[in-house]
């Protein structure tokens, strides 16, 4: 029942002008910062480690802004799932999309390196109207939520979803047999078994090394794409030139290159990166957890 009420709320909400949705997100973000203490704590720990040169006041200011951006993401789901597709397209503009268009026109396989910035859903729902996409999907524990997310992902009949449990082989097969770009979101902690340790903000960080492996096995070109929420609430999806000399023969160097690129983009817009995830949960052997309750 609660899920149905949430879906109904999102449906009604998307009927409002976007400026009203975004004003509501400002209120929800402010309340969430103070009400959702466990996530606030995770965000502050992440920011303390990544930006030790900042004052605590600076970190808290960025984190409050981050809660606003996360609220924007959540409250816009009604638009992503139920709203007029043309309205969503007007919300998102492309920058340098020719990098992607030229690669696809040349028959190249493409991996879109797509880190977790808070406008990622708005941008990808708009992009999927123009470009078929392959992506990996993690099933949700709640059946109703799982069904709704899947329905939303497949809204334009232009997405190829691969369950995370299907593994690397299914991803490789789909890339090889399709002209669609593969949307690759690598910057979360998937545990020691699937990761190698490379630096991220100078911190030894468990990082999946799939980008290098998938690019090698499919001969795909890596084209980064970064979404940015602008001051007026619109979103810019910027594409970057395809990476030269990638992959190399050094998977560690390749994975470090990826993290260095993501870090550089985070420093450009720190409030819009996903800080509420335990990104540094998996530590090298013998190193204490970052998330022990030692910070107020």
Protein backbone atom coordinates (compact mmCIF):
# COMPACT_ATOMS: atom_id res chain seq x y z
CA UNK A 1 0.00 0.00 0.00
CA UNK A 2 2.80 2.42 0.89
CA UNK A 3 4.46 1.88 -2.50
CA UNK A 4 1.20 2.53 -4.32
CA UNK A 5 0.74 5.76 -2.38
CA UNK A 6 4.31 6.80 -3.19
CA UNK A 7 3.78 6.12 -6.89
CA UNK A 8 0.48 8.07 -6.83
CA UNK A 9 2.26 10.99 -5.12
CA UNK A 10 4.97 11.01 -7.80
CA UNK A 11 2.35 10.85 -10.54
CA UNK A 12 0.50 13.88 -9.16
CA UNK A 13 3.73 15.72 -8.45
CA UNK A 14 4.92 15.52 -12.07
CA UNK A 15 1.82 17.45 -13.14
CA UNK A 16 3.12 20.53 -11.34
CA UNK A 17 5.40 23.11 -12.99
CA UNK A 18 9.04 22.11 -12.66
CA UNK A 19 9.82 25.25 -10.69
CA UNK A 20 7.37 24.09 -8.00
CA UNK A 21 8.88 20.59 -7.91
CA UNK A 22 12.33 22.06 -7.50
CA UNK A 23 11.13 24.47 -4.77
CA UNK A 24 9.66 21.49 -2.93
CA UNK A 25 12.97 19.66 -3.36
CA UNK A 26 14.71 22.57 -1.62
CA UNK A 27 12.42 22.11 1.40
CA UNK A 28 12.68 18.31 1.37
CA UNK A 29 16.46 18.49 1.05
CA UNK A 30 16.74 20.84 4.03
CA UNK A 31 14.53 18.62 6.18
CA UNK A 32 16.29 15.44 5.05
CA UNK A 33 19.70 16.81 5.96
CA UNK A 34 18.61 17.09 9.59
CA UNK A 35 16.19 14.13 9.71
CA UNK A 36 18.19 11.41 7.97
CA UNK A 37 21.11 11.36 10.38
CA UNK A 38 22.69 8.04 9.27
CA UNK A 39 23.08 9.23 5.67
CA UNK A 40 24.26 12.65 6.80
CA UNK A 41 26.93 10.93 8.86
CA UNK A 42 28.10 8.83 5.88
CA UNK A 43 28.24 11.91 3.69
CA UNK A 44 30.31 13.84 6.20
CA UNK A 45 32.75 10.97 6.67
CA UNK A 46 33.22 10.73 2.89
CA UNK A 47 33.76 14.47 2.58
CA UNK A 48 36.20 14.56 5.52
CA UNK A 49 38.37 11.96 3.82
CA UNK A 50 38.11 13.40 0.31
CA UNK A 51 38.44 17.06 1.24
CA UNK A 52 40.63 17.22 4.37
CA UNK A 53 41.70 20.73 3.37
CA UNK A 54 38.15 22.05 3.80
CA UNK A 55 36.72 23.37 7.05
CA UNK A 56 33.87 21.44 8.64
CA UNK A 57 31.60 24.34 7.76
CA UNK A 58 32.49 23.99 4.07
CA UNK A 59 31.77 20.26 4.13
CA UNK A 60 28.41 20.72 5.81
CA UNK A 61 27.45 23.42 3.33
CA UNK A 62 28.25 21.13 0.39
CA UNK A 63 26.41 18.24 2.02
CA UNK A 64 23.27 20.35 2.61
CA UNK A 65 23.35 21.27 -1.07
CA UNK A 66 23.84 17.60 -1.90
CA UNK A 67 20.67 16.66 -0.01
CA UNK A 68 18.83 19.20 -2.14
CA UNK A 69 20.17 17.61 -5.32
CA UNK A 70 19.22 14.14 -4.07
CA UNK A 71 15.72 15.41 -3.33
CA UNK A 72 15.52 16.76 -6.87
CA UNK A 73 16.45 13.33 -8.16
CA UNK A 74 13.81 11.56 -6.09
CA UNK A 75 10.98 14.02 -6.66
CA UNK A 76 11.55 14.02 -10.42
CA UNK A 77 10.94 10.27 -10.70
CA UNK A 78 7.31 10.98 -11.51
CA UNK A 79 8.49 12.93 -14.54
CA UNK A 80 10.86 10.13 -15.58
CA UNK A 81 8.19 7.43 -15.24
CA UNK A 82 4.91 9.13 -16.10
CA UNK A 83 5.54 12.58 -17.53
CA UNK A 84 5.45 13.84 -21.08
CA UNK A 85 8.64 12.66 -22.80
CA UNK A 86 8.93 15.98 -24.64
CA UNK A 87 8.87 17.84 -21.34
CA UNK A 88 11.77 15.74 -20.09
CA UNK A 89 13.72 16.36 -23.28
CA UNK A 90 13.33 20.11 -22.77
CA UNK A 91 14.79 19.74 -19.29
CA UNK A 92 18.05 18.22 -20.62
CA UNK A 93 20.49 19.72 -23.10
CA UNK A 94 23.50 18.02 -24.68
CA UNK A 95 27.02 19.38 -24.85
CA UNK A 96 29.50 17.91 -27.34
CA UNK A 97 27.25 14.98 -28.17
CA UNK A 98 29.06 14.80 -31.50
CA UNK A 99 31.71 12.66 -29.81
CA UNK A 100 29.12 9.93 -29.30
CA UNK A 101 27.34 10.48 -32.62
CA UNK A 102 30.56 10.26 -34.63
CA UNK A 103 31.66 7.06 -32.92
CA UNK A 104 28.29 5.38 -33.50
CA UNK A 105 28.13 6.60 -37.11
CA UNK A 106 31.55 5.04 -37.65
CA UNK A 107 30.30 1.69 -36.43
CA UNK A 108 32.28 1.79 -33.19
CA UNK A 109 31.26 -0.07 -30.06
CA UNK A 110 30.91 2.49 -27.26
CA UNK A 111 31.11 2.39 -23.48
CA UNK A 112 29.68 5.49 -21.85
CA UNK A 113 31.57 6.06 -18.61
CA UNK A 114 28.77 7.47 -16.46
CA UNK A 115 29.62 8.13 -12.79
CA UNK A 116 27.01 8.66 -10.07
CA UNK A 117 26.16 12.35 -10.23
CA UNK A 118 22.74 13.31 -8.93
CA UNK A 119 21.25 14.34 -12.29
CA UNK A 120 22.12 10.98 -13.84
CA UNK A 121 18.52 9.75 -14.08
CA UNK A 122 17.15 12.90 -15.75
CA UNK A 123 19.96 12.87 -18.31
CA UNK A 124 19.75 9.17 -19.13
CA UNK A 125 15.96 9.18 -19.51
CA UNK A 126 16.34 12.00 -22.02
CA UNK A 127 19.25 10.36 -23.83
CA UNK A 128 17.41 7.06 -24.10
CA UNK A 129 14.78 8.77 -26.22
CA UNK A 130 17.50 9.39 -28.84
CA UNK A 131 19.92 6.51 -28.33
CA UNK A 132 19.45 2.84 -27.46
CA UNK A 133 21.31 1.95 -24.28
CA UNK A 134 22.62 -1.20 -22.64
CA UNK A 135 22.79 -1.09 -18.87
CA UNK A 136 23.12 -3.33 -15.85
CA UNK A 137 20.21 -3.56 -13.43
CA UNK A 138 20.21 -4.60 -9.77
CA UNK A 139 16.86 -6.02 -8.73
CA UNK A 140 15.15 -4.39 -5.75
CA UNK A 141 13.97 -6.33 -2.70
CA UNK A 142 10.53 -4.73 -2.87
CA UNK A 143 8.64 -6.39 -5.73
CA UNK A 144 6.41 -3.41 -6.52
CA UNK A 145 9.34 -1.02 -6.61
CA UNK A 146 11.33 -3.45 -8.74
CA UNK A 147 8.49 -3.74 -11.27
CA UNK A 148 8.04 0.03 -11.45
CA UNK A 149 11.75 0.74 -11.92
CA UNK A 150 11.98 -1.87 -14.66
CA UNK A 151 8.89 -0.47 -16.35
CA UNK A 152 10.42 3.01 -16.19
CA UNK A 153 13.76 1.82 -17.56
CA UNK A 154 11.96 0.22 -20.52
CA UNK A 155 9.62 3.14 -21.09
CA UNK A 156 10.91 3.99 -24.56
CA UNK A 157 11.42 0.39 -25.71
CA UNK A 158 14.98 1.44 -26.30
CA UNK A 159 16.90 -0.09 -23.40
CA UNK A 160 18.59 -3.46 -23.02
CA UNK A 161 18.80 -4.40 -19.34
CA UNK A 162 21.16 -7.03 -18.00
CA UNK A 163 20.73 -8.31 -14.46
CA UNK A 164 23.80 -7.80 -12.30
CA UNK A 165 23.78 -11.51 -11.44
CA UNK A 166 24.12 -12.41 -15.14
CA UNK A 167 27.76 -11.38 -15.00
CA UNK A 168 30.39 -10.12 -17.39
CA UNK A 169 29.73 -12.70 -20.09
CA UNK A 170 26.17 -11.43 -20.67
CA UNK A 171 27.42 -7.85 -20.91
CA UNK A 172 30.10 -8.75 -23.45
CA UNK A 173 27.64 -10.74 -25.56
CA UNK A 174 25.14 -7.90 -25.67
CA UNK A 175 27.72 -5.26 -26.59
CA UNK A 176 29.08 -7.44 -29.39
CA UNK A 177 25.63 -8.14 -30.87
CA UNK A 178 24.21 -4.62 -30.53
CA UNK A 179 25.04 -1.16 -31.82
CA UNK A 180 23.83 0.41 -28.57
CA UNK A 181 26.31 2.05 -26.20
CA UNK A 182 26.89 0.37 -22.85
CA UNK A 183 26.13 2.66 -19.89
CA UNK A 184 28.83 1.94 -17.31
CA UNK A 185 28.48 3.16 -13.70
CA UNK A 186 31.59 1.93 -11.85
CA UNK A 187 31.96 4.15 -8.80
CA UNK A 188 30.38 2.17 -5.99
CA UNK A 189 31.81 -0.34 -3.53
CA UNK A 190 31.00 -3.86 -4.75
CA UNK A 191 33.24 -5.58 -2.23
CA UNK A 192 36.70 -7.06 -2.21
CA UNK A 193 35.95 -10.00 -4.53
CA UNK A 194 35.05 -7.86 -7.54
CA UNK A 195 37.53 -5.04 -6.98
CA UNK A 196 41.12 -3.92 -7.05
CA UNK A 197 42.54 -1.12 -4.91
CA UNK A 198 43.47 2.12 -6.64
CA UNK A 199 43.46 5.70 -5.41
CA UNK A 200 40.39 7.93 -5.33
CA UNK A 201 41.00 11.32 -3.74
CA UNK A 202 44.30 9.88 -2.51
CA UNK A 203 42.49 7.05 -0.69
CA UNK A 204 43.13 3.40 -1.53
CA UNK A 205 39.65 2.50 -2.79
CA UNK A 206 38.07 -0.80 -3.81
CA UNK A 207 37.19 -0.22 -7.47
CA UNK A 208 35.77 -2.58 -10.05
CA UNK A 209 38.15 -2.98 -12.99
CA UNK A 210 35.48 -3.85 -15.52
CA UNK A 211 35.97 -0.83 -17.77
CA UNK A 212 39.38 -2.00 -18.95
CA UNK A 213 38.26 -5.62 -19.32
CA UNK A 214 35.05 -4.86 -21.19
CA UNK A 215 36.80 -2.41 -23.52
CA UNK A 216 39.48 -5.01 -24.30
CA UNK A 217 37.01 -7.83 -24.96
CA UNK A 218 34.64 -5.78 -27.14
CA UNK A 219 37.13 -3.32 -28.69
CA UNK A 220 34.79 -0.57 -27.54
CA UNK A 221 35.71 3.09 -27.29
CA UNK A 222 35.30 4.78 -23.90
CA UNK A 223 33.42 8.09 -24.04
CA UNK A 224 32.73 9.72 -20.66
CA UNK A 225 29.42 11.50 -20.09
CA UNK A 226 28.76 13.73 -17.08
CA UNK A 227 25.36 15.23 -16.13
CA UNK A 228 25.25 18.59 -14.36
CA UNK A 229 22.26 20.25 -12.74
CA UNK A 230 22.29 23.94 -13.65
CA UNK A 231 21.15 26.81 -11.45
CA UNK A 232 17.81 27.03 -13.26
CA UNK A 233 17.05 23.34 -12.60
CA UNK A 234 17.84 22.18 -16.12
CA UNK A 235 20.47 19.51 -16.81
CA UNK A 236 23.48 19.57 -19.12
CA UNK A 237 24.78 16.20 -20.28
CA UNK A 238 28.36 16.74 -21.40
CA UNK A 239 30.20 14.20 -23.52
CA UNK A 240 34.00 14.00 -23.53
CA UNK A 241 36.40 12.85 -26.28
CA UNK A 242 36.96 9.12 -26.48
CA UNK A 243 40.01 7.97 -24.58
CA UNK A 244 43.14 7.28 -26.57
CA UNK A 245 45.36 4.30 -25.76
CA UNK A 246 42.67 2.60 -23.70
CA UNK A 247 42.75 -0.07 -22.54
CA UNK A 248 46.45 -0.47 -22.00
CA UNK A 249 48.15 -3.68 -20.90
CA UNK A 250 48.07 -2.49 -17.30
CA UNK A 251 44.61 -2.96 -15.75
CA UNK A 252 45.66 -1.16 -12.57
CA UNK A 253 46.81 1.90 -14.53
CA UNK A 254 43.58 1.83 -16.56
CA UNK A 255 41.43 1.71 -13.42
CA UNK A 256 43.47 4.50 -11.85
CA UNK A 257 42.94 6.58 -14.99
CA UNK A 258 39.20 6.10 -14.60
CA UNK A 259 39.22 7.15 -10.94
CA UNK A 260 41.40 10.17 -11.71
CA UNK A 261 38.92 11.30 -14.35
CA UNK A 262 35.95 10.87 -12.00
CA UNK A 263 37.76 12.70 -9.20
CA UNK A 264 38.49 15.65 -11.48
CA UNK A 265 34.81 15.92 -12.39
CA UNK A 266 33.75 15.64 -8.74
CA UNK A 267 36.03 18.54 -7.82
CA UNK A 268 34.23 20.64 -10.44
CA UNK A 269 30.82 20.08 -8.82
CA UNK A 270 31.26 18.42 -5.42
CA UNK A 271 27.69 18.91 -4.21
CA UNK A 272 26.35 16.86 -7.13
CA UNK A 273 28.36 13.68 -6.57
CA UNK A 274 26.74 10.79 -4.70
CA UNK A 275 28.20 11.10 -1.19
CA UNK A 276 25.59 9.10 0.74
CA UNK A 277 26.97 5.69 -0.31
CA UNK A 278 29.69 3.95 1.73
CA UNK A 279 32.18 4.34 -1.09
CA UNK A 280 35.13 3.39 1.12
CA UNK A 281 33.48 0.51 2.98
CA UNK A 282 35.92 -2.16 1.74
CA UNK A 283 39.35 -1.41 3.14
CA UNK A 284 42.76 -3.01 2.50
CA UNK A 285 43.56 -5.87 4.85
CA UNK A 286 44.23 -4.66 8.38
CA UNK A 287 42.84 -1.15 7.85
CA UNK A 288 39.99 0.01 10.10
CA UNK A 289 36.58 0.92 8.74
CA UNK A 290 35.93 4.57 7.93
CA UNK A 291 32.35 4.23 9.11
CA UNK A 292 32.78 3.20 12.73
CA UNK A 293 30.78 5.51 14.98
CA UNK A 294 33.57 7.83 15.93
CA UNK A 295 32.20 11.03 14.40
CA UNK A 296 29.26 12.96 15.78
